[in-house]
C-alpha atoms as a PDB file:
ATOM      1  CA  MET A   1      98.566  64.316 102.532  1.00  0.00           C
ATOM      2  CA  THR A   2      98.444  66.153 105.540  1.00  0.00           C
ATOM      3  CA  THR A   3     102.043  68.804 104.681  1.00  0.00           C
ATOM      4  CA  LEU A   4     100.299  69.318 100.986  1.00  0.00           C
ATOM      5  CA  VAL A   5      96.781  70.441 102.986  1.00  0.00           C
ATOM      6  CA  ALA A   6      98.693  72.809 104.767  1.00  0.00           C
ATOM      7  CA  ALA A   7     100.948  73.854 102.018  1.00  0.00           C
ATOM      8  CA  LEU A   8      97.796  74.490 100.833  1.00  0.00           C
ATOM      9  CA  LEU A   9      96.534  76.726 103.861  1.00  0.00           C
ATOM     10  CA  GLY A  10      99.580  78.763 103.512  1.00  0.00           C
ATOM     11  CA  ALA A  11      99.020  79.531  99.975  1.00  0.00           C
ATOM     12  CA  VAL A  12      95.402  81.157 100.510  1.00  0.00           C
ATOM     13  CA  VAL A  13      96.790  82.896 103.741  1.00  0.00           C
ATOM     14  CA  GLY A  14      99.095  84.269 102.055  1.00  0.00           C
ATOM     15  CA  LEU A  15      96.865  85.664  98.987  1.00  0.00           C
ATOM     16  CA  GLY A  16      94.482  86.341 101.660  1.00  0.00           C
ATOM     17  CA  LEU A  17      97.373  88.503 103.280  1.00  0.00           C
ATOM     18  CA  LEU A  18      98.017  89.836  99.392  1.00  0.00           C
ATOM     19  CA  LEU A  19      93.490  91.203  99.051  1.00  0.00           C
ATOM     20  CA  VAL A  20      94.284  92.536 103.085  1.00  0.00           C
ATOM     21  CA  VAL A  21      96.635  94.612 101.169  1.00  0.00           C
ATOM     22  CA  ALA A  22      94.914  95.668  98.549  1.00  0.00           C
ATOM     23  CA  GLY A  23      91.897  96.705 100.616  1.00  0.00           C
ATOM     24  CA  VAL A  24      93.838  98.766 102.811  1.00  0.00           C
ATOM     25  CA  ARG A  25      95.192 100.775 100.181  1.00  0.00           C
ATOM     26  CA  GLY A  26      92.332 100.186  98.358  1.00  0.00           C
ATOM     27  CA  VAL A  27      91.426 101.252  94.546  1.00  0.00           C
ATOM     28  CA  PRO A  28      91.308 104.208  92.573  1.00  0.00           C
ATOM     29  CA  VAL A  29      87.065 104.905  91.657  1.00  0.00           C
ATOM     30  CA  THR A  30      86.952 106.823  87.730  1.00  0.00           C
ATOM     31  CA  LEU A  31      83.510 108.048  87.552  1.00  0.00           C
ATOM     32  CA  VAL A  32      83.327 106.337  84.050  1.00  0.00           C
ATOM     33  CA  VAL A  33      81.528 103.425  84.944  1.00  0.00           C
ATOM     34  CA  PRO A  34      82.971  99.827  83.125  1.00  0.00           C
ATOM     35  CA  PRO A  35      80.609  98.306  80.495  1.00  0.00           C
ATOM     36  CA  ALA A  36      79.575  94.791  81.422  1.00  0.00           C
ATOM     37  CA  ALA A  37      81.795  93.508  78.712  1.00  0.00           C
ATOM     38  CA  ALA A  38      84.719  94.796  81.166  1.00  0.00           C
ATOM     39  CA  ARG A  39      83.465  93.920  84.510  1.00  0.00           C
ATOM     40  CA  TRP A  40      83.866  90.566  83.434  1.00  0.00           C
ATOM     41  CA  ARG A  41      87.325  90.773  81.854  1.00  0.00           C
ATOM     42  CA  ARG A  42      88.303  91.700  85.612  1.00  0.00           C
ATOM     43  CA  VAL A  43      86.650  88.555  86.909  1.00  0.00           C
ATOM     44  CA  GLU A  44      88.053  86.300  83.909  1.00  0.00           C
ATOM     45  CA  HIS A  45      91.611  87.829  84.467  1.00  0.00           C
ATOM     46  CA  LEU A  46      90.438  87.481  88.430  1.00  0.00           C
ATOM     47  CA  ASP A  47      89.553  84.200  88.016  1.00  0.00           C
ATOM     48  CA  ARG A  48      93.135  83.343  85.586  1.00  0.00           C
ATOM     49  CA  ARG A  49      95.411  84.923  88.268  1.00  0.00           C
ATOM     50  CA  LEU A  50      94.018  81.784  91.123  1.00  0.00           C
ATOM     51  CA  GLY A  51      94.434  79.276  88.976  1.00  0.00           C
ATOM     52  CA  LEU A  52      97.821  80.516  87.993  1.00  0.00           C
ATOM     53  CA  ALA A  53      98.851  80.570  91.971  1.00  0.00           C
ATOM     54  CA  LEU A  54      97.726  77.455  92.038  1.00  0.00           C
ATOM     55  CA  ALA A  55      98.573  75.617  89.515  1.00  0.00           C
ATOM     56  CA  ALA A  56     102.224  76.850  90.277  1.00  0.00           C
ATOM     57  CA  ALA A  57     101.863  75.925  94.158  1.00  0.00           C
ATOM     58  CA  VAL A  58     100.783  72.424  93.923  1.00  0.00           C
ATOM     59  CA  ALA A  59     103.026  72.131  91.117  1.00  0.00           C
ATOM     60  CA  VAL A  60     106.277  73.795  93.051  1.00  0.00           C
ATOM     61  CA  TYR A  61     105.121  71.122  95.953  1.00  0.00           C
ATOM     62  CA  ALA A  62     104.698  68.365  93.171  1.00  0.00           C
ATOM     63  CA  VAL A  63     108.101  69.340  92.869  1.00  0.00           C
ATOM     64  CA  THR A  64     110.359  70.468  96.076  1.00  0.00           C
ATOM     65  CA  ARG A  65     107.819  69.313  98.205  1.00  0.00           C
ATOM     66  CA  TRP A  66     108.359  72.411 100.445  1.00  0.00           C
ATOM     67  CA  PRO A  67     105.427  74.322 102.284  1.00  0.00           C
ATOM     68  CA  VAL A  68     107.446  78.129 101.599  1.00  0.00           C
ATOM     69  CA  ALA A  69     108.322  76.723  97.634  1.00  0.00           C
ATOM     70  CA  ALA A  70     104.461  76.154  97.030  1.00  0.00           C
ATOM     71  CA  LEU A  71     103.116  79.654  98.763  1.00  0.00           C
ATOM     72  CA  ALA A  72     106.575  81.002  96.623  1.00  0.00           C
ATOM     73  CA  GLY A  73     105.308  79.739  93.703  1.00  0.00           C
ATOM     74  CA  ALA A  74     101.913  80.955  94.115  1.00  0.00           C
ATOM     75  CA  VAL A  75     102.497  83.991  94.887  1.00  0.00           C
ATOM     76  CA  PHE A  76     104.866  83.957  91.383  1.00  0.00           C
ATOM     77  CA  GLY A  77     101.521  83.025  89.972  1.00  0.00           C
ATOM     78  CA  LEU A  78      99.130  85.146  90.888  1.00  0.00           C
ATOM     79  CA  THR A  79     101.915  87.853  90.142  1.00  0.00           C
ATOM     80  CA  ALA A  80     102.672  87.037  86.971  1.00  0.00           C
ATOM     81  CA  PRO A  81     100.835  89.032  84.519  1.00  0.00           C
ATOM     82  CA  THR A  82     101.506  91.574  86.613  1.00  0.00           C
ATOM     83  CA  LEU A  83     105.359  90.345  86.377  1.00  0.00           C
ATOM     84  CA  LEU A  84     105.969  88.702  83.079  1.00  0.00           C
ATOM     85  CA  GLY A  85     103.072  91.588  81.096  1.00  0.00           C
ATOM     86  CA  ALA A  86     104.775  94.617  81.798  1.00  0.00           C
ATOM     87  CA  LYS A  87     106.895  95.460  78.116  1.00  0.00           C
ATOM     88  CA  ALA A  88     103.162  94.228  76.754  1.00  0.00           C
ATOM     89  CA  ARG A  89     101.246  96.874  79.146  1.00  0.00           C
ATOM     90  CA  ARG A  90     104.278  99.587  78.358  1.00  0.00           C
ATOM     91  CA  GLN A  91     104.219  99.286  74.443  1.00  0.00           C
ATOM     92  CA  GLN A  92      99.489  99.201  74.261  1.00  0.00           C
ATOM     93  CA  GLU A  93     100.558 102.984  76.378  1.00  0.00           C
ATOM     94  CA  VAL A  94     103.002 104.078  73.104  1.00  0.00           C
ATOM     95  CA  ASP A  95     100.429 102.339  70.849  1.00  0.00           C
ATOM     96  CA  ARG A  96      97.545 104.474  71.993  1.00  0.00           C
ATOM     97  CA  ILE A  97      99.330 107.864  71.960  1.00  0.00           C
ATOM     98  CA  GLU A  98     100.058 107.491  68.966  1.00  0.00           C
ATOM     99  CA  ALA A  99      97.218 106.634  68.022  1.00  0.00           C
ATOM    100  CA  VAL A 100      95.343 109.976  69.746  1.00  0.00           C
ATOM    101  CA  ALA A 101      97.917 111.632  67.491  1.00  0.00           C
ATOM    102  CA  ARG A 102      96.691 109.846  64.356  1.00  0.00           C
ATOM    103  CA  TRP A 103      92.993 111.323  65.413  1.00  0.00           C
ATOM    104  CA  ALA A 104      93.754 113.993  65.675  1.00  0.00           C
ATOM    105  CA  GLU A 105      95.268 115.271  62.570  1.00  0.00           C
ATOM    106  CA  GLN A 106      92.628 112.752  61.090  1.00  0.00           C
ATOM    107  CA  LEU A 107      90.546 115.500  62.719  1.00  0.00           C
ATOM    108  CA  ARG A 108      91.829 118.489  60.894  1.00  0.00           C
ATOM    109  CA  ASP A 109      92.877 116.432  57.658  1.00  0.00           C
ATOM    110  CA  THR A 110      88.737 116.369  58.066  1.00  0.00           C
ATOM    111  CA  MET A 111      87.781 119.453  59.148  1.00  0.00           C
ATOM    112  CA  SER A 112      89.876 120.921  56.202  1.00  0.00           C
ATOM    113  CA  ALA A 113      87.985 119.525  53.812  1.00  0.00           C
ATOM    114  CA  ALA A 114      84.860 121.831  55.433  1.00  0.00           C
ATOM    115  CA  ALA A 115      83.666 119.898  57.755  1.00  0.00           C
ATOM    116  CA  GLY A 116      82.337 120.984  61.319  1.00  0.00           C
ATOM    117  CA  LEU A 117      83.384 119.153  64.390  1.00  0.00           C
ATOM    118  CA  HIS A 118      80.280 116.623  65.201  1.00  0.00           C
ATOM    119  CA  GLU A 119      80.529 115.974  61.904  1.00  0.00           C
ATOM    120  CA  ALA A 120      84.598 115.777  61.388  1.00  0.00           C
ATOM    121  CA  ILE A 121      84.377 113.491  64.658  1.00  0.00           C
ATOM    122  CA  GLY A 122      81.736 110.738  63.562  1.00  0.00           C
ATOM    123  CA  VAL A 123      83.332 110.341  60.190  1.00  0.00           C
ATOM    124  CA  THR A 124      87.110 109.623  61.222  1.00  0.00           C
ATOM    125  CA  ALA A 125      84.829 107.079  64.343  1.00  0.00           C
ATOM    126  CA  ARG A 126      84.485 104.479  62.308  1.00  0.00           C
ATOM    127  CA  VAL A 127      88.182 105.107  60.732  1.00  0.00           C
ATOM    128  CA  ALA A 128      89.992 106.170  63.886  1.00  0.00           C
ATOM    129  CA  PRO A 129      93.216 104.043  64.993  1.00  0.00           C
ATOM    130  CA  LEU A 130      92.607 100.907  67.001  1.00  0.00           C
ATOM    131  CA  PRO A 131      93.849 101.893  70.165  1.00  0.00           C
ATOM    132  CA  ILE A 132      90.719 103.616  70.658  1.00  0.00           C
ATOM    133  CA  ARG A 133      88.880 103.464  68.036  1.00  0.00           C
ATOM    134  CA  ASP A 134      86.360 101.953  70.977  1.00  0.00           C
ATOM    135  CA  GLU A 135      87.048 105.566  72.894  1.00  0.00           C
ATOM    136  CA  VAL A 136      86.012 107.597  69.940  1.00  0.00           C
ATOM    137  CA  GLN A 137      82.451 105.468  68.831  1.00  0.00           C
ATOM    138  CA  GLU A 138      81.637 105.737  72.126  1.00  0.00           C
ATOM    139  CA  LEU A 139      82.527 109.972  72.053  1.00  0.00           C
ATOM    140  CA  ALA A 140      80.835 109.640  68.838  1.00  0.00           C
ATOM    141  CA  ALA A 141      76.842 108.869  70.134  1.00  0.00           C
ATOM    142  CA  ARG A 142      77.625 110.012  73.439  1.00  0.00           C
ATOM    143  CA  LEU A 143      76.960 113.288  70.539  1.00  0.00           C
ATOM    144  CA  ARG A 144      73.936 112.665  69.531  1.00  0.00           C
ATOM    145  CA  HIS A 145      72.319 113.600  73.104  1.00  0.00           C
ATOM    146  CA  GLU A 146      74.740 114.803  75.537  1.00  0.00           C
ATOM    147  CA  PRO A 147      77.061 118.551  74.700  1.00  0.00           C
ATOM    148  CA  LEU A 148      80.197 118.476  73.817  1.00  0.00           C
ATOM    149  CA  PRO A 149      82.133 119.317  76.375  1.00  0.00           C
ATOM    150  CA  THR A 150      79.864 116.604  79.159  1.00  0.00           C
ATOM    151  CA  ALA A 151      80.751 114.752  75.979  1.00  0.00           C
ATOM    152  CA  MET A 152      85.292 114.866  76.001  1.00  0.00           C
ATOM    153  CA  ARG A 153      85.311 114.885  79.551  1.00  0.00           C
ATOM    154  CA  ARG A 154      84.514 111.875  79.428  1.00  0.00           C
ATOM    155  CA  PHE A 155      86.163 110.902  76.052  1.00  0.00           C
ATOM    156  CA  ALA A 156      89.657 111.786  78.356  1.00  0.00           C
ATOM    157  CA  ALA A 157      88.511 110.158  81.923  1.00  0.00           C
ATOM    158  CA  ARG A 158      88.387 106.666  79.256  1.00  0.00           C
ATOM    159  CA  LEU A 159      91.494 107.210  77.455  1.00  0.00           C
ATOM    160  CA  ALA A 160      93.228 108.604  80.845  1.00  0.00           C
ATOM    161  CA  SER A 161      96.155 109.616  79.687  1.00  0.00           C
ATOM    162  CA  PRO A 162      97.608 112.894  78.962  1.00  0.00           C
ATOM    163  CA  SER A 163      97.583 112.927  75.347  1.00  0.00           C
ATOM    164  CA  GLY A 164      93.693 112.604  75.116  1.00  0.00           C
ATOM    165  CA  ASP A 165      93.133 114.901  77.943  1.00  0.00           C
ATOM    166  CA  GLN A 166      95.411 117.702  74.987  1.00  0.00           C
ATOM    167  CA  VAL A 167      93.093 116.758  72.573  1.00  0.00           C
ATOM    168  CA  ALA A 168      89.639 116.890  74.576  1.00  0.00           C
ATOM    169  CA  VAL A 169      90.723 120.158  75.996  1.00  0.00           C
ATOM    170  CA  ALA A 170      91.193 121.784  72.646  1.00  0.00           C
ATOM    171  CA  LEU A 171      87.931 120.553  71.138  1.00  0.00           C
ATOM    172  CA  ILE A 172      86.336 121.833  74.120  1.00  0.00           C
ATOM    173  CA  LEU A 173      87.957 125.161  73.465  1.00  0.00           C
ATOM    174  CA  ALA A 174      87.764 125.165  69.612  1.00  0.00           C
ATOM    175  CA  SER A 175      83.451 124.410  69.939  1.00  0.00           C
ATOM    176  CA  GLU A 176      83.590 127.229  72.102  1.00  0.00           C
ATOM    177  CA  ARG A 177      85.098 129.371  70.255  1.00  0.00           C
ATOM    178  CA  HIS A 178      83.710 128.616  66.985  1.00  0.00           C
ATOM    179  CA  GLY A 179      87.109 127.196  65.789  1.00  0.00           C
ATOM    180  CA  ALA A 180      89.220 129.157  65.674  1.00  0.00           C
ATOM    181  CA  ARG A 181      93.098 127.968  64.825  1.00  0.00           C
ATOM    182  CA  LEU A 182      91.772 124.802  65.592  1.00  0.00           C
ATOM    183  CA  SER A 183      94.048 122.836  63.024  1.00  0.00           C
ATOM    184  CA  ASP A 184      97.205 124.423  64.749  1.00  0.00           C
ATOM    185  CA  VAL A 185      95.954 123.417  68.097  1.00  0.00           C
ATOM    186  CA  LEU A 186      95.695 119.763  66.958  1.00  0.00           C
ATOM    187  CA  SER A 187      98.562 119.604  64.425  1.00  0.00           C
ATOM    188  CA  ARG A 188     100.830 120.704  67.517  1.00  0.00           C
ATOM    189  CA  VAL A 189      98.691 117.905  69.956  1.00  0.00           C
ATOM    190  CA  ALA A 190      99.726 115.714  66.822  1.00  0.00           C
ATOM    191  CA  ALA A 191     103.495 116.208  67.294  1.00  0.00           C
ATOM    192  CA  ALA A 192     103.429 116.400  71.139  1.00  0.00           C
ATOM    193  CA  SER A 193     102.622 112.513  71.269  1.00  0.00           C
ATOM    194  CA  ARG A 194     104.205 111.187  69.219  1.00  0.00           C
ATOM    195  CA  ALA A 195     107.571 113.294  70.651  1.00  0.00           C
ATOM    196  CA  GLU A 196     106.392 111.592  74.113  1.00  0.00           C
ATOM    197  CA  ALA A 197     106.204 107.797  71.633  1.00  0.00           C
ATOM    198  CA  THR A 198     109.484 108.354  70.526  1.00  0.00           C
ATOM    199  CA  LEU A 199     111.142 109.440  74.637  1.00  0.00           C
ATOM    200  CA  ARG A 200     109.388 106.698  75.004  1.00  0.00           C
ATOM    201  CA  LEU A 201     110.465 103.527  72.801  1.00  0.00           C
ATOM    202  CA  ARG A 202     114.339 105.217  73.529  1.00  0.00           C
ATOM    203  CA  VAL A 203     113.985 104.250  77.026  1.00  0.00           C
ATOM    204  CA  GLU A 204     112.519 101.348  76.443  1.00  0.00           C
ATOM    205  CA  ALA A 205     115.353 100.376  74.292  1.00  0.00           C
ATOM    206  CA  GLN A 206     117.721 101.348  76.363  1.00  0.00           C
ATOM    207  CA  ARG A 207     116.072  99.128  79.727  1.00  0.00           C
ATOM    208  CA  ALA A 208     115.938  95.908  77.171  1.00  0.00           C
ATOM    209  CA  ARG A 209     119.365  94.944  78.114  1.00  0.00           C
ATOM    210  CA  THR A 210     119.183  95.031  81.874  1.00  0.00           C
ATOM    211  CA  SER A 211     115.789  93.342  81.374  1.00  0.00           C
ATOM    212  CA  SER A 212     117.124  90.845  79.434  1.00  0.00           C
ATOM    213  CA  GLN A 213     120.597  90.431  81.652  1.00  0.00           C
ATOM    214  CA  ALA A 214     117.705  90.285  84.763  1.00  0.00           C
ATOM    215  CA  ARG A 215     115.598  87.863  82.929  1.00  0.00           C
ATOM    216  CA  LEU A 216     118.235  85.536  82.140  1.00  0.00           C
ATOM    217  CA  ILE A 217     119.672  85.279  86.139  1.00  0.00           C
ATOM    218  CA  ALA A 218     116.196  84.340  86.560  1.00  0.00           C
ATOM    219  CA  GLY A 219     116.308  81.240  84.300  1.00  0.00           C
ATOM    220  CA  VAL A 220     119.985  80.587  85.261  1.00  0.00           C
ATOM    221  CA  ILE A 221     118.683  80.107  88.906  1.00  0.00           C
ATOM    222  CA  ALA A 222     115.475  78.232  88.094  1.00  0.00           C
ATOM    223  CA  ALA A 223     117.129  76.076  85.763  1.00  0.00           C
ATOM    224  CA  VAL A 224     120.276  75.194  88.423  1.00  0.00           C
ATOM    225  CA  VAL A 225     117.881  74.502  91.366  1.00  0.00           C
ATOM    226  CA  THR A 226     115.992  71.944  88.833  1.00  0.00           C
ATOM    227  CA  VAL A 227     118.861  69.784  88.003  1.00  0.00           C
ATOM    228  CA  TYR A 228     119.722  69.224  91.370  1.00  0.00           C
ATOM    229  CA  LEU A 229     116.569  68.710  92.623  1.00  0.00           C
ATOM    230  CA  VAL A 230     116.555  65.418  89.482  1.00  0.00           C
ATOM    231  CA  LEU A 231     119.836  64.579  89.599  1.00  0.00           C
ATOM    232  CA  ASN A 232     121.105  66.073  93.185  1.00  0.00           C
ATOM    233  CA  ARG A 233     118.149  66.053  95.426  1.00  0.00           C
ATOM    234  CA  SER A 234     120.953  66.140  98.861  1.00  0.00           C
ATOM    235  CA  TYR A 235     122.183  68.360  97.826  1.00  0.00           C
ATOM    236  CA  LEU A 236     119.111  70.148  98.949  1.00  0.00           C
ATOM    237  CA  ALA A 237     117.931  68.540 101.588  1.00  0.00           C
ATOM    238  CA  PRO A 238     118.509  71.684 103.998  1.00  0.00           C
ATOM    239  CA  PHE A 239     116.429  74.054 102.889  1.00  0.00           C
ATOM    240  CA  GLY A 240     113.877  70.552 103.974  1.00  0.00           C
ATOM    241  CA  THR A 241     114.452  71.504 107.411  1.00  0.00           C
ATOM    242  CA  PRO A 242     112.498  74.413 109.406  1.00  0.00           C
ATOM    243  CA  VAL A 243     115.732  76.605 109.315  1.00  0.00           C
ATOM    244  CA  GLY A 244     115.805  75.670 106.275  1.00  0.00           C
ATOM    245  CA  GLN A 245     112.360  76.630 105.220  1.00  0.00           C
ATOM    246  CA  ALA A 246     112.706  80.208 106.651  1.00  0.00           C
ATOM    247  CA  VAL A 247     116.152  80.465 105.112  1.00  0.00           C
ATOM    248  CA  LEU A 248     113.743  80.186 101.971  1.00  0.00           C
ATOM    249  CA  ALA A 249     111.287  82.718 102.361  1.00  0.00           C
ATOM    250  CA  VAL A 250     113.523  84.591 103.408  1.00  0.00           C
ATOM    251  CA  VAL A 251     115.920  84.137  99.415  1.00  0.00           C
ATOM    252  CA  CYS A 252     111.922  84.193  97.574  1.00  0.00           C
ATOM    253  CA  GLY A 253     111.015  87.313  99.056  1.00  0.00           C
ATOM    254  CA  MET A 254     114.215  89.202  98.246  1.00  0.00           C
ATOM    255  CA  TRP A 255     113.922  88.054  94.485  1.00  0.00           C
ATOM    256  CA  PHE A 256     109.729  89.160  94.978  1.00  0.00           C
ATOM    257  CA  VAL A 257     111.261  91.923  95.832  1.00  0.00           C
ATOM    258  CA  ALA A 258     114.133  92.850  93.129  1.00  0.00           C
ATOM    259  CA  PHE A 259     111.923  91.677  90.388  1.00  0.00           C
ATOM    260  CA  TRP A 260     108.571  94.083  91.693  1.00  0.00           C
ATOM    261  CA  ALA A 261     111.117  97.142  91.529  1.00  0.00           C
ATOM    262  CA  LEU A 262     112.405  95.823  88.262  1.00  0.00           C
ATOM    263  CA  VAL A 263     109.283  96.397  86.774  1.00  0.00           C
ATOM    264  CA  ARG A 264     108.931  99.219  88.876  1.00  0.00           C
ATOM    265  CA  LEU A 265     111.583 101.497  87.397  1.00  0.00           C
ATOM    266  CA  ALA A 266     110.955 100.201  84.213  1.00  0.00           C
ATOM    267  CA  GLY A 267     107.921 102.026  83.318  1.00  0.00           C
ATOM    268  CA  MET A 268     107.747 105.063  83.243  1.00  0.00           C
ATOM    269  CA  PRO A 269     105.227 108.205  84.716  1.00  0.00           C
ATOM    270  CA  ALA A 270     102.197 108.775  82.295  1.00  0.00           C
ATOM    271  CA  GLY A 271     102.900 112.956  83.102  1.00  0.00           C
ATOM    272  CA  GLU A 272      99.962 114.693  85.521  1.00  0.00           C
ATOM    273  CA  ARG A 273      96.816 114.980  83.942  1.00  0.00           C
ATOM    274  CA  ILE A 274      95.004 118.323  82.095  1.00  0.00           C
ATOM    275  CA  LEU A 275      91.045 117.923  83.457  1.00  0.00           C
ATOM    276  CA  SER A 276      90.908 115.993  86.251  1.00  0.00           C
ATOM    277  CA  VAL A 277      88.103 113.196  86.999  1.00  0.00           C
ATOM    278  CA  ASP A 278      85.949 115.898  88.373  1.00  0.00           C
ATOM    279  CA  SER A 279      86.591 118.206  86.304  1.00  0.00           C
END
């Protein structure tokens, strides 16, 4: 029982160190205040991570009786949504870029039917692509009591993507120049967004083999360790000594850094924003 308490305390200390590092590095702040629902989602996500960390630490310690392994399990549980959900987030980014392209085409087609800019935004808000429908509907609501340049800058801040900035700049310039050649500009923006989405999908397909190999290696190693713990525990007995725990800490740290680097390298830079948060 004393060892279990020590392992849990070590996991808490590790989580505290991660929070301290996050506090020192700082958290980027945007001018758009998230609604209450978004803040609650963040709290739920944090609770989920802490729950996974605690469950992983207890489960790993119950199987291995190694404090370092329990701490590694806590770190993995805390970072698992980030490590395992990277591919889904990249796909979500691609979907949002394609959604911006489809919305630009919707605006172009609606305005070609002799509709004004404000009216076109209101009409397309009801049928905007799902990945950005909430942002477009919020934009349409803001246009009822805000000038278009201000509402568009807030819209671009919500999307936080270069393709969204391009649409915002095009609409701002169109409102100031009475829609001169807006259809051509929206067509070019849509084409550029689709080209970026296609490029991201092509890169993701090329990197899929490397990611699959990394997951296979990790799975095989985890399976081998599990088999030894169940069938031949004496083979891993040296890891239960203080020196073995130190070696295990180094090995776990190297694995964690390797997987984190793999996730970071798999990501693609979003590119330079045209509209800054203070513009």
